[in-house]
């Protein structure tokens, strides 16, 4: 066997091993998407109902709660970016990071300082490589988040909103995550969670309820808001983490399927080149044999 054929055979074995890995990762991601989709579907109604409850309390009372009231001159904003812990998911993390960069630039153009909070090793590595300051980060659960993870993330953010800006607090809370639309479509989105945009929520409530009920609050509307709003932030962050996890699995499945298909095409191409090289070696050997036989025949004829 010629040296060129051995090189092609070695490359075919290497690509075949890579294909097995990418195929396995594709199947794992495909199996996890179903569970992630169910969790998203289960958490979304809860988050929406909590939003409606908070809107009902805020619009049904005259309480000026700091978590639902716009600051006159907002000076600082917190941006929570959700990325992945692992790679091999195409442009999933990169697209979310780009969306966060655009949001940060817009907030700074409005004269606001931005505190960055990161979920996922990819986002942490991106900010660390560029020496960007990160207020707090969380890793290790992006592919399978739990409600406890959402509570751990939301706690420092709620405290930052409650504090005065002079003490390191923030006036606004934004979140950037990847919204799961379908198996083929996942869109990075940015949403403002706090202060709650009551106009938008009120319009949604009015579409569903023609008659809005009157409420009495015990012990007070402010204390009800104090109890509801942390649950609202937790549920919204949990839903965003679940949507991001489903998007991550879908993006990784699509990337691994593309890698598997490319590996198959490369194996076919290398096999074709190996066959051509082997045929060239055989042709060369036949030519050498025929040439040698002809030379022997000529030598024998000359001696006669």
C-alpha atoms as a PDB file:
ATOM      1  CA  UNK A   1       0.000   0.000   0.000  1.00  0.00           C
ATOM      2  CA  UNK A   2       1.351   3.430  -0.974  1.00  0.00           C
ATOM      3  CA  UNK A   3       2.103   6.206   1.468  1.00  0.00           C
ATOM      4  CA  UNK A   4      -0.713   8.384   0.083  1.00  0.00           C
ATOM      5  CA  UNK A   5      -3.269   5.614   0.574  1.00  0.00           C
ATOM      6  CA  UNK A   6      -2.135   5.126   4.188  1.00  0.00           C
ATOM      7  CA  UNK A   7      -2.597   8.847   4.838  1.00  0.00           C
ATOM      8  CA  UNK A   8      -6.162   8.746   3.467  1.00  0.00           C
ATOM      9  CA  UNK A   9      -6.994   5.634   5.504  1.00  0.00           C
ATOM     10  CA  UNK A  10      -5.725   7.296   8.674  1.00  0.00           C
ATOM     11  CA  UNK A  11      -7.803  10.408   7.997  1.00  0.00           C
ATOM     12  CA  UNK A  12     -10.892   8.302   7.304  1.00  0.00           C
ATOM     13  CA  UNK A  13     -10.497   6.538  10.669  1.00  0.00           C
ATOM     14  CA  UNK A  14     -10.079   9.899  12.431  1.00  0.00           C
ATOM     15  CA  UNK A  15     -13.155  11.435  10.777  1.00  0.00           C
ATOM     16  CA  UNK A  16     -15.187   8.280  11.481  1.00  0.00           C
ATOM     17  CA  UNK A  17     -14.349   8.540  15.198  1.00  0.00           C
ATOM     18  CA  UNK A  18     -15.385  12.215  15.189  1.00  0.00           C
ATOM     19  CA  UNK A  19     -18.623  11.292  13.425  1.00  0.00           C
ATOM     20  CA  UNK A  20     -19.498   8.809  16.174  1.00  0.00           C
ATOM     21  CA  UNK A  21     -19.017  11.521  18.804  1.00  0.00           C
ATOM     22  CA  UNK A  22     -21.089  14.159  16.986  1.00  0.00           C
ATOM     23  CA  UNK A  23     -23.844  11.619  16.292  1.00  0.00           C
ATOM     24  CA  UNK A  24     -23.993  10.675  19.978  1.00  0.00           C
ATOM     25  CA  UNK A  25     -24.145  14.343  21.015  1.00  0.00           C
ATOM     26  CA  UNK A  26     -26.898  14.959  18.473  1.00  0.00           C
ATOM     27  CA  UNK A  27     -28.987  12.121  19.921  1.00  0.00           C
ATOM     28  CA  UNK A  28     -28.411  13.294  23.516  1.00  0.00           C
ATOM     29  CA  UNK A  29     -29.500  16.842  22.676  1.00  0.00           C
ATOM     30  CA  UNK A  30     -32.551  15.543  20.797  1.00  0.00           C
ATOM     31  CA  UNK A  31     -33.626  13.511  23.826  1.00  0.00           C
ATOM     32  CA  UNK A  32     -33.236  16.483  26.194  1.00  0.00           C
ATOM     33  CA  UNK A  33     -35.165  18.940  24.035  1.00  0.00           C
ATOM     34  CA  UNK A  34     -38.481  17.202  24.701  1.00  0.00           C
ATOM     35  CA  UNK A  35     -38.116  17.523  28.486  1.00  0.00           C
ATOM     36  CA  UNK A  36     -36.957  21.136  28.167  1.00  0.00           C
ATOM     37  CA  UNK A  37     -39.971  21.998  26.002  1.00  0.00           C
ATOM     38  CA  UNK A  38     -42.336  20.499  28.567  1.00  0.00           C
ATOM     39  CA  UNK A  39     -40.720  22.521  31.346  1.00  0.00           C
ATOM     40  CA  UNK A  40     -41.052  25.726  29.305  1.00  0.00           C
ATOM     41  CA  UNK A  41     -44.718  24.991  28.604  1.00  0.00           C
ATOM     42  CA  UNK A  42     -45.345  24.286  32.299  1.00  0.00           C
ATOM     43  CA  UNK A  43     -43.585  27.401  33.623  1.00  0.00           C
ATOM     44  CA  UNK A  44     -44.937  29.974  31.158  1.00  0.00           C
ATOM     45  CA  UNK A  45     -48.565  30.103  32.472  1.00  0.00           C
ATOM     46  CA  UNK A  46     -47.301  30.498  36.051  1.00  0.00           C
ATOM     47  CA  UNK A  47     -45.043  33.400  35.068  1.00  0.00           C
ATOM     48  CA  UNK A  48     -47.846  35.064  33.108  1.00  0.00           C
ATOM     49  CA  UNK A  49     -50.327  34.760  35.982  1.00  0.00           C
ATOM     50  CA  UNK A  50     -47.817  36.221  38.420  1.00  0.00           C
ATOM     51  CA  UNK A  51     -47.298  39.137  36.046  1.00  0.00           C
ATOM     52  CA  UNK A  52     -51.052  39.729  35.907  1.00  0.00           C
ATOM     53  CA  UNK A  53     -51.287  39.568  39.702  1.00  0.00           C
ATOM     54  CA  UNK A  54     -48.509  42.122  40.127  1.00  0.00           C
ATOM     55  CA  UNK A  55     -50.135  44.358  37.510  1.00  0.00           C
ATOM     56  CA  UNK A  56     -53.486  44.081  39.297  1.00  0.00           C
ATOM     57  CA  UNK A  57     -51.959  45.187  42.603  1.00  0.00           C
ATOM     58  CA  UNK A  58     -49.952  47.996  41.025  1.00  0.00           C
ATOM     59  CA  UNK A  59     -52.810  49.383  38.922  1.00  0.00           C
ATOM     60  CA  UNK A  60     -55.481  48.810  41.575  1.00  0.00           C
ATOM     61  CA  UNK A  61     -53.772  50.950  44.186  1.00  0.00           C
ATOM     62  CA  UNK A  62     -52.052  54.298  44.496  1.00  0.00           C
ATOM     63  CA  UNK A  63     -48.919  52.795  46.033  1.00  0.00           C
ATOM     64  CA  UNK A  64     -45.677  54.104  44.564  1.00  0.00           C
ATOM     65  CA  UNK A  65     -43.596  50.991  44.922  1.00  0.00           C
ATOM     66  CA  UNK A  66     -39.940  51.242  43.874  1.00  0.00           C
ATOM     67  CA  UNK A  67     -40.183  48.015  41.889  1.00  0.00           C
ATOM     68  CA  UNK A  68     -43.070  49.268  39.731  1.00  0.00           C
ATOM     69  CA  UNK A  69     -42.302  52.989  39.588  1.00  0.00           C
ATOM     70  CA  UNK A  70     -40.051  54.542  36.983  1.00  0.00           C
ATOM     71  CA  UNK A  71     -37.136  56.530  38.364  1.00  0.00           C
ATOM     72  CA  UNK A  72     -37.142  60.183  37.355  1.00  0.00           C
ATOM     73  CA  UNK A  73     -33.536  60.020  36.183  1.00  0.00           C
ATOM     74  CA  UNK A  74     -32.413  56.380  35.980  1.00  0.00           C
ATOM     75  CA  UNK A  75     -28.663  56.284  36.424  1.00  0.00           C
ATOM     76  CA  UNK A  76     -27.775  52.586  36.655  1.00  0.00           C
ATOM     77  CA  UNK A  77     -29.108  49.389  35.071  1.00  0.00           C
ATOM     78  CA  UNK A  78     -28.419  45.704  35.636  1.00  0.00           C
ATOM     79  CA  UNK A  79     -28.210  43.359  32.643  1.00  0.00           C
ATOM     80  CA  UNK A  80     -28.526  39.607  33.196  1.00  0.00           C
ATOM     81  CA  UNK A  81     -27.030  37.625  30.295  1.00  0.00           C
ATOM     82  CA  UNK A  82     -27.860  33.926  29.900  1.00  0.00           C
ATOM     83  CA  UNK A  83     -25.320  31.843  27.929  1.00  0.00           C
ATOM     84  CA  UNK A  84     -24.266  28.190  28.003  1.00  0.00           C
ATOM     85  CA  UNK A  85     -21.729  26.282  30.071  1.00  0.00           C
ATOM     86  CA  UNK A  86     -20.609  24.154  27.122  1.00  0.00           C
ATOM     87  CA  UNK A  87     -19.764  24.848  23.511  1.00  0.00           C
ATOM     88  CA  UNK A  88     -20.526  22.929  20.313  1.00  0.00           C
ATOM     89  CA  UNK A  89     -23.881  24.710  20.011  1.00  0.00           C
ATOM     90  CA  UNK A  90     -23.285  26.814  16.923  1.00  0.00           C
ATOM     91  CA  UNK A  91     -23.822  30.521  17.448  1.00  0.00           C
ATOM     92  CA  UNK A  92     -26.108  30.105  20.473  1.00  0.00           C
ATOM     93  CA  UNK A  93     -23.938  31.861  23.072  1.00  0.00           C
ATOM     94  CA  UNK A  94     -22.368  34.276  20.577  1.00  0.00           C
ATOM     95  CA  UNK A  95     -25.778  35.574  19.463  1.00  0.00           C
ATOM     96  CA  UNK A  96     -26.905  36.145  23.063  1.00  0.00           C
ATOM     97  CA  UNK A  97     -23.646  37.967  23.846  1.00  0.00           C
ATOM     98  CA  UNK A  98     -24.084  40.202  20.790  1.00  0.00           C
ATOM     99  CA  UNK A  99     -27.632  41.058  21.901  1.00  0.00           C
ATOM    100  CA  UNK A 100     -26.326  41.935  25.383  1.00  0.00           C
ATOM    101  CA  UNK A 101     -23.598  44.127  23.862  1.00  0.00           C
ATOM    102  CA  UNK A 102     -26.192  46.020  21.809  1.00  0.00           C
ATOM    103  CA  UNK A 103     -28.375  46.524  24.875  1.00  0.00           C
ATOM    104  CA  UNK A 104     -25.402  47.694  26.943  1.00  0.00           C
ATOM    105  CA  UNK A 105     -24.379  50.201  24.276  1.00  0.00           C
ATOM    106  CA  UNK A 106     -27.936  51.558  24.117  1.00  0.00           C
ATOM    107  CA  UNK A 107     -28.207  51.925  27.885  1.00  0.00           C
ATOM    108  CA  UNK A 108     -24.852  53.703  28.058  1.00  0.00           C
ATOM    109  CA  UNK A 109     -25.921  56.003  25.229  1.00  0.00           C
ATOM    110  CA  UNK A 110     -28.874  56.938  27.458  1.00  0.00           C
ATOM    111  CA  UNK A 111     -26.418  57.959  30.169  1.00  0.00           C
ATOM    112  CA  UNK A 112     -26.794  54.893  32.404  1.00  0.00           C
ATOM    113  CA  UNK A 113     -24.087  52.834  34.028  1.00  0.00           C
ATOM    114  CA  UNK A 114     -24.438  49.106  33.414  1.00  0.00           C
ATOM    115  CA  UNK A 115     -23.765  46.269  35.861  1.00  0.00           C
ATOM    116  CA  UNK A 116     -23.341  42.906  34.120  1.00  0.00           C
ATOM    117  CA  UNK A 117     -24.573  39.640  35.618  1.00  0.00           C
ATOM    118  CA  UNK A 118     -23.661  36.475  33.718  1.00  0.00           C
ATOM    119  CA  UNK A 119     -25.096  32.966  33.627  1.00  0.00           C
ATOM    120  CA  UNK A 120     -22.956  30.355  31.858  1.00  0.00           C
ATOM    121  CA  UNK A 121     -19.229  29.741  31.423  1.00  0.00           C
ATOM    122  CA  UNK A 122     -19.217  31.005  27.827  1.00  0.00           C
ATOM    123  CA  UNK A 123     -20.381  34.464  28.873  1.00  0.00           C
ATOM    124  CA  UNK A 124     -18.005  34.523  31.844  1.00  0.00           C
ATOM    125  CA  UNK A 125     -15.072  33.548  29.600  1.00  0.00           C
ATOM    126  CA  UNK A 126     -16.034  36.180  27.015  1.00  0.00           C
ATOM    127  CA  UNK A 127     -16.140  38.985  29.579  1.00  0.00           C
ATOM    128  CA  UNK A 128     -13.031  37.733  31.368  1.00  0.00           C
ATOM    129  CA  UNK A 129     -10.985  37.590  28.156  1.00  0.00           C
ATOM    130  CA  UNK A 130     -11.900  41.229  27.459  1.00  0.00           C
ATOM    131  CA  UNK A 131     -11.292  42.339  31.071  1.00  0.00           C
ATOM    132  CA  UNK A 132     -14.901  43.465  31.472  1.00  0.00           C
ATOM    133  CA  UNK A 133     -16.201  43.851  34.981  1.00  0.00           C
ATOM    134  CA  UNK A 134     -18.860  41.340  36.053  1.00  0.00           C
ATOM    135  CA  UNK A 135     -20.943  42.044  39.147  1.00  0.00           C
ATOM    136  CA  UNK A 136     -21.770  38.367  39.705  1.00  0.00           C
ATOM    137  CA  UNK A 137     -21.837  35.135  37.717  1.00  0.00           C
ATOM    138  CA  UNK A 138     -23.334  31.646  37.954  1.00  0.00           C
ATOM    139  CA  UNK A 139     -22.287  28.469  36.158  1.00  0.00           C
ATOM    140  CA  UNK A 140     -22.940  24.742  36.105  1.00  0.00           C
ATOM    141  CA  UNK A 141     -26.674  24.477  35.420  1.00  0.00           C
ATOM    142  CA  UNK A 142     -27.468  26.058  32.044  1.00  0.00           C
ATOM    143  CA  UNK A 143     -28.473  22.817  30.286  1.00  0.00           C
ATOM    144  CA  UNK A 144     -30.778  21.666  33.127  1.00  0.00           C
ATOM    145  CA  UNK A 145     -31.779  24.623  35.339  1.00  0.00           C
ATOM    146  CA  UNK A 146     -33.968  24.236  38.410  1.00  0.00           C
ATOM    147  CA  UNK A 147     -36.139  26.709  40.293  1.00  0.00           C
ATOM    148  CA  UNK A 148     -33.492  26.783  43.023  1.00  0.00           C
ATOM    149  CA  UNK A 149     -31.020  28.040  40.414  1.00  0.00           C
ATOM    150  CA  UNK A 150     -33.460  30.773  39.414  1.00  0.00           C
ATOM    151  CA  UNK A 151     -33.808  31.820  43.077  1.00  0.00           C
ATOM    152  CA  UNK A 152     -30.039  31.934  43.470  1.00  0.00           C
ATOM    153  CA  UNK A 153     -29.749  34.198  40.414  1.00  0.00           C
ATOM    154  CA  UNK A 154     -32.689  36.450  41.277  1.00  0.00           C
ATOM    155  CA  UNK A 155     -31.646  37.116  44.890  1.00  0.00           C
ATOM    156  CA  UNK A 156     -28.710  39.489  44.211  1.00  0.00           C
ATOM    157  CA  UNK A 157     -30.655  41.173  41.407  1.00  0.00           C
ATOM    158  CA  UNK A 158     -33.642  41.932  43.622  1.00  0.00           C
ATOM    159  CA  UNK A 159     -31.340  43.275  46.320  1.00  0.00           C
ATOM    160  CA  UNK A 160     -29.633  45.509  43.759  1.00  0.00           C
ATOM    161  CA  UNK A 161     -33.019  46.919  42.707  1.00  0.00           C
ATOM    162  CA  UNK A 162     -34.015  47.564  46.315  1.00  0.00           C
ATOM    163  CA  UNK A 163     -30.804  49.445  47.142  1.00  0.00           C
ATOM    164  CA  UNK A 164     -30.275  53.098  46.396  1.00  0.00           C
ATOM    165  CA  UNK A 165     -28.044  53.842  43.406  1.00  0.00           C
ATOM    166  CA  UNK A 166     -25.631  55.694  45.697  1.00  0.00           C
ATOM    167  CA  UNK A 167     -25.090  52.391  47.517  1.00  0.00           C
ATOM    168  CA  UNK A 168     -24.524  50.375  44.343  1.00  0.00           C
ATOM    169  CA  UNK A 169     -28.181  49.760  43.570  1.00  0.00           C
ATOM    170  CA  UNK A 170     -29.815  49.861  40.125  1.00  0.00           C
ATOM    171  CA  UNK A 171     -32.898  51.564  38.711  1.00  0.00           C
ATOM    172  CA  UNK A 172     -33.631  49.002  35.995  1.00  0.00           C
ATOM    173  CA  UNK A 173     -33.281  45.256  35.519  1.00  0.00           C
ATOM    174  CA  UNK A 174     -32.914  43.771  32.028  1.00  0.00           C
ATOM    175  CA  UNK A 175     -32.483  40.176  30.942  1.00  0.00           C
ATOM    176  CA  UNK A 176     -30.984  38.824  27.708  1.00  0.00           C
ATOM    177  CA  UNK A 177     -31.726  35.200  26.852  1.00  0.00           C
ATOM    178  CA  UNK A 178     -32.516  32.989  23.866  1.00  0.00           C
ATOM    179  CA  UNK A 179     -36.198  32.467  23.245  1.00  0.00           C
ATOM    180  CA  UNK A 180     -37.218  29.012  22.049  1.00  0.00           C
ATOM    181  CA  UNK A 181     -39.576  29.368  19.080  1.00  0.00           C
ATOM    182  CA  UNK A 182     -39.210  25.979  17.395  1.00  0.00           C
ATOM    183  CA  UNK A 183     -36.678  23.246  16.782  1.00  0.00           C
ATOM    184  CA  UNK A 184     -35.226  25.311  13.940  1.00  0.00           C
ATOM    185  CA  UNK A 185     -35.676  28.830  15.320  1.00  0.00           C
ATOM    186  CA  UNK A 186     -34.222  30.293  18.511  1.00  0.00           C
ATOM    187  CA  UNK A 187     -34.048  34.059  18.850  1.00  0.00           C
ATOM    188  CA  UNK A 188     -31.918  36.055  21.299  1.00  0.00           C
ATOM    189  CA  UNK A 189     -34.179  38.612  22.998  1.00  0.00           C
ATOM    190  CA  UNK A 190     -33.781  41.317  25.607  1.00  0.00           C
ATOM    191  CA  UNK A 191     -36.557  42.277  28.010  1.00  0.00           C
ATOM    192  CA  UNK A 192     -36.872  44.726  30.844  1.00  0.00           C
ATOM    193  CA  UNK A 193     -38.173  42.988  33.949  1.00  0.00           C
ATOM    194  CA  UNK A 194     -38.076  45.881  36.417  1.00  0.00           C
ATOM    195  CA  UNK A 195     -39.589  48.371  36.782  1.00  0.00           C
ATOM    196  CA  UNK A 196     -42.557  46.427  35.476  1.00  0.00           C
ATOM    197  CA  UNK A 197     -44.047  47.970  32.336  1.00  0.00           C
ATOM    198  CA  UNK A 198     -47.634  48.313  33.551  1.00  0.00           C
ATOM    199  CA  UNK A 199     -49.037  49.728  30.315  1.00  0.00           C
ATOM    200  CA  UNK A 200     -48.168  46.641  28.326  1.00  0.00           C
ATOM    201  CA  UNK A 201     -49.409  44.259  31.020  1.00  0.00           C
ATOM    202  CA  UNK A 202     -52.615  46.244  31.501  1.00  0.00           C
ATOM    203  CA  UNK A 203     -53.375  46.007  27.780  1.00  0.00           C
ATOM    204  CA  UNK A 204     -52.945  42.241  27.916  1.00  0.00           C
ATOM    205  CA  UNK A 205     -55.209  41.994  30.944  1.00  0.00           C
ATOM    206  CA  UNK A 206     -57.888  44.145  29.304  1.00  0.00           C
ATOM    207  CA  UNK A 207     -57.896  41.878  26.246  1.00  0.00           C
ATOM    208  CA  UNK A 208     -58.657  38.891  28.464  1.00  0.00           C
ATOM    209  CA  UNK A 209     -60.981  40.578  30.962  1.00  0.00           C
ATOM    210  CA  UNK A 210     -63.609  43.067  29.855  1.00  0.00           C
ATOM    211  CA  UNK A 211     -64.584  43.805  33.465  1.00  0.00           C
ATOM    212  CA  UNK A 212     -61.718  44.477  35.800  1.00  0.00           C
ATOM    213  CA  UNK A 213     -62.447  43.632  39.456  1.00  0.00           C
ATOM    214  CA  UNK A 214     -61.811  45.931  42.394  1.00  0.00           C
ATOM    215  CA  UNK A 215     -59.312  44.796  44.995  1.00  0.00           C
ATOM    216  CA  UNK A 216     -58.822  45.266  48.721  1.00  0.00           C
ATOM    217  CA  UNK A 217     -55.327  44.604  49.961  1.00  0.00           C
ATOM    218  CA  UNK A 218     -54.374  43.129  53.328  1.00  0.00           C
ATOM    219  CA  UNK A 219     -52.304  44.219  55.127  1.00  0.00           C
ATOM    220  CA  UNK A 220     -51.416  46.824  52.464  1.00  0.00           C
ATOM    221  CA  UNK A 221     -50.761  47.079  48.729  1.00  0.00           C
ATOM    222  CA  UNK A 222     -47.101  47.816  49.364  1.00  0.00           C
ATOM    223  CA  UNK A 223     -46.614  44.689  51.444  1.00  0.00           C
ATOM    224  CA  UNK A 224     -48.448  42.629  48.824  1.00  0.00           C
ATOM    225  CA  UNK A 225     -46.063  44.004  46.192  1.00  0.00           C
ATOM    226  CA  UNK A 226     -43.115  43.222  48.438  1.00  0.00           C
ATOM    227  CA  UNK A 227     -44.271  39.594  48.525  1.00  0.00           C
ATOM    228  CA  UNK A 228     -45.290  39.267  44.868  1.00  0.00           C
ATOM    229  CA  UNK A 229     -42.444  40.963  43.049  1.00  0.00           C
ATOM    230  CA  UNK A 230     -39.630  38.629  44.183  1.00  0.00           C
ATOM    231  CA  UNK A 231     -41.768  35.698  43.040  1.00  0.00           C
ATOM    232  CA  UNK A 232     -42.349  37.542  39.760  1.00  0.00           C
ATOM    233  CA  UNK A 233     -38.614  38.019  39.163  1.00  0.00           C
ATOM    234  CA  UNK A 234     -37.866  34.405  40.105  1.00  0.00           C
ATOM    235  CA  UNK A 235     -40.535  33.034  37.783  1.00  0.00           C
ATOM    236  CA  UNK A 236     -39.407  35.232  34.879  1.00  0.00           C
ATOM    237  CA  UNK A 237     -35.769  34.257  35.326  1.00  0.00           C
ATOM    238  CA  UNK A 238     -36.722  30.580  35.664  1.00  0.00           C
ATOM    239  CA  UNK A 239     -38.744  30.742  32.454  1.00  0.00           C
ATOM    240  CA  UNK A 240     -35.830  32.481  30.697  1.00  0.00           C
ATOM    241  CA  UNK A 241     -33.399  29.808  31.922  1.00  0.00           C
ATOM    242  CA  UNK A 242     -35.697  27.044  30.682  1.00  0.00           C
ATOM    243  CA  UNK A 243     -36.169  28.700  27.303  1.00  0.00           C
ATOM    244  CA  UNK A 244     -32.411  29.167  27.019  1.00  0.00           C
ATOM    245  CA  UNK A 245     -31.818  25.515  27.918  1.00  0.00           C
ATOM    246  CA  UNK A 246     -34.271  24.344  25.256  1.00  0.00           C
ATOM    247  CA  UNK A 247     -32.647  26.701  22.755  1.00  0.00           C
ATOM    248  CA  UNK A 248     -29.186  25.418  23.702  1.00  0.00           C
ATOM    249  CA  UNK A 249     -30.199  21.793  23.137  1.00  0.00           C
ATOM    250  CA  UNK A 250     -31.849  22.645  19.827  1.00  0.00           C
ATOM    251  CA  UNK A 251     -28.825  24.646  18.662  1.00  0.00           C
ATOM    252  CA  UNK A 252     -26.434  21.867  19.711  1.00  0.00           C
ATOM    253  CA  UNK A 253     -28.539  19.227  17.994  1.00  0.00           C
ATOM    254  CA  UNK A 254     -28.562  21.274  14.794  1.00  0.00           C
ATOM    255  CA  UNK A 255     -24.811  21.931  15.012  1.00  0.00           C
ATOM    256  CA  UNK A 256     -24.001  18.282  15.700  1.00  0.00           C
ATOM    257  CA  UNK A 257     -26.249  17.107  12.859  1.00  0.00           C
ATOM    258  CA  UNK A 258     -24.444  19.484  10.521  1.00  0.00           C
ATOM    259  CA  UNK A 259     -21.085  18.197  11.812  1.00  0.00           C
ATOM    260  CA  UNK A 260     -22.208  14.579  11.318  1.00  0.00           C
ATOM    261  CA  UNK A 261     -23.381  15.297   7.774  1.00  0.00           C
ATOM    262  CA  UNK A 262     -20.091  17.060   6.998  1.00  0.00           C
ATOM    263  CA  UNK A 263     -18.168  14.098   8.406  1.00  0.00           C
ATOM    264  CA  UNK A 264     -20.101  11.720   6.148  1.00  0.00           C
ATOM    265  CA  UNK A 265     -19.368  13.894   3.120  1.00  0.00           C
ATOM    266  CA  UNK A 266     -15.696  14.083   4.079  1.00  0.00           C
ATOM    267  CA  UNK A 267     -15.488  10.296   4.508  1.00  0.00           C
ATOM    268  CA  UNK A 268     -16.995   9.811   1.046  1.00  0.00           C
ATOM    269  CA  UNK A 269     -14.535  12.290  -0.441  1.00  0.00           C
ATOM    270  CA  UNK A 270     -11.545  10.703   1.317  1.00  0.00           C
ATOM    271  CA  UNK A 271     -12.676   7.215   0.294  1.00  0.00           C
ATOM    272  CA  UNK A 272     -12.872   8.364  -3.310  1.00  0.00           C
ATOM    273  CA  UNK A 273      -9.381   9.879  -3.097  1.00  0.00           C
ATOM    274  CA  UNK A 274      -8.026   6.720  -1.445  1.00  0.00           C
ATOM    275  CA  UNK A 275      -9.494   4.583  -4.230  1.00  0.00           C
ATOM    276  CA  UNK A 276      -7.973   6.877  -6.826  1.00  0.00           C
ATOM    277  CA  UNK A 277      -4.579   6.718  -5.095  1.00  0.00           C
ATOM    278  CA  UNK A 278      -4.769   2.908  -4.872  1.00  0.00           C
ATOM    279  CA  UNK A 279      -5.710   2.676  -8.546  1.00  0.00           C
ATOM    280  CA  UNK A 280      -2.797   4.972  -9.400  1.00  0.00           C
ATOM    281  CA  UNK A 281      -0.458   2.721  -7.376  1.00  0.00           C
ATOM    282  CA  UNK A 282      -1.774  -0.381  -9.153  1.00  0.00           C
ATOM    283  CA  UNK A 283      -1.439   1.294 -12.531  1.00  0.00           C
ATOM    284  CA  UNK A 284       2.106   2.337 -11.704  1.00  0.00           C
ATOM    285  CA  UNK A 285       2.997  -1.189 -10.565  1.00  0.00           C
ATOM    286  CA  UNK A 286       1.552  -2.681 -13.763  1.00  0.00           C
ATOM    287  CA  UNK A 287       3.470  -0.150 -15.826  1.00  0.00           C
ATOM    288  CA  UNK A 288       6.666  -1.005 -13.983  1.00  0.00           C
ATOM    289  CA  UNK A 289       6.097  -4.750 -14.507  1.00  0.00           C
ATOM    290  CA  UNK A 290       5.337  -4.280 -18.217  1.00  0.00           C
ATOM    291  CA  UNK A 291       8.360  -1.985 -18.571  1.00  0.00           C
ATOM    292  CA  UNK A 292      10.591  -4.504 -16.813  1.00  0.00           C
ATOM    293  CA  UNK A 293       9.307  -7.361 -18.933  1.00  0.00           C
ATOM    294  CA  UNK A 294       9.844  -5.308 -22.094  1.00  0.00           C
ATOM    295  CA  UNK A 295      13.382  -4.437 -21.012  1.00  0.00           C
ATOM    296  CA  UNK A 296      14.152  -8.122 -20.348  1.00  0.00           C
ATOM    297  CA  UNK A 297      12.728  -9.068 -23.724  1.00  0.00           C
ATOM    298  CA  UNK A 298      14.837  -6.403 -25.456  1.00  0.00           C
ATOM    299  CA  UNK A 299      17.926  -7.583 -23.575  1.00  0.00           C
ATOM    300  CA  UNK A 300      17.292 -11.207 -24.526  1.00  0.00           C
ATOM    301  CA  UNK A 301      16.789 -10.248 -28.184  1.00  0.00           C
ATOM    302  CA  UNK A 302      20.071  -8.257 -28.180  1.00  0.00           C
ATOM    303  CA  UNK A 303      22.058 -11.156 -26.759  1.00  0.00           C
ATOM    304  CA  UNK A 304      20.725 -13.478 -29.423  1.00  0.00           C
END
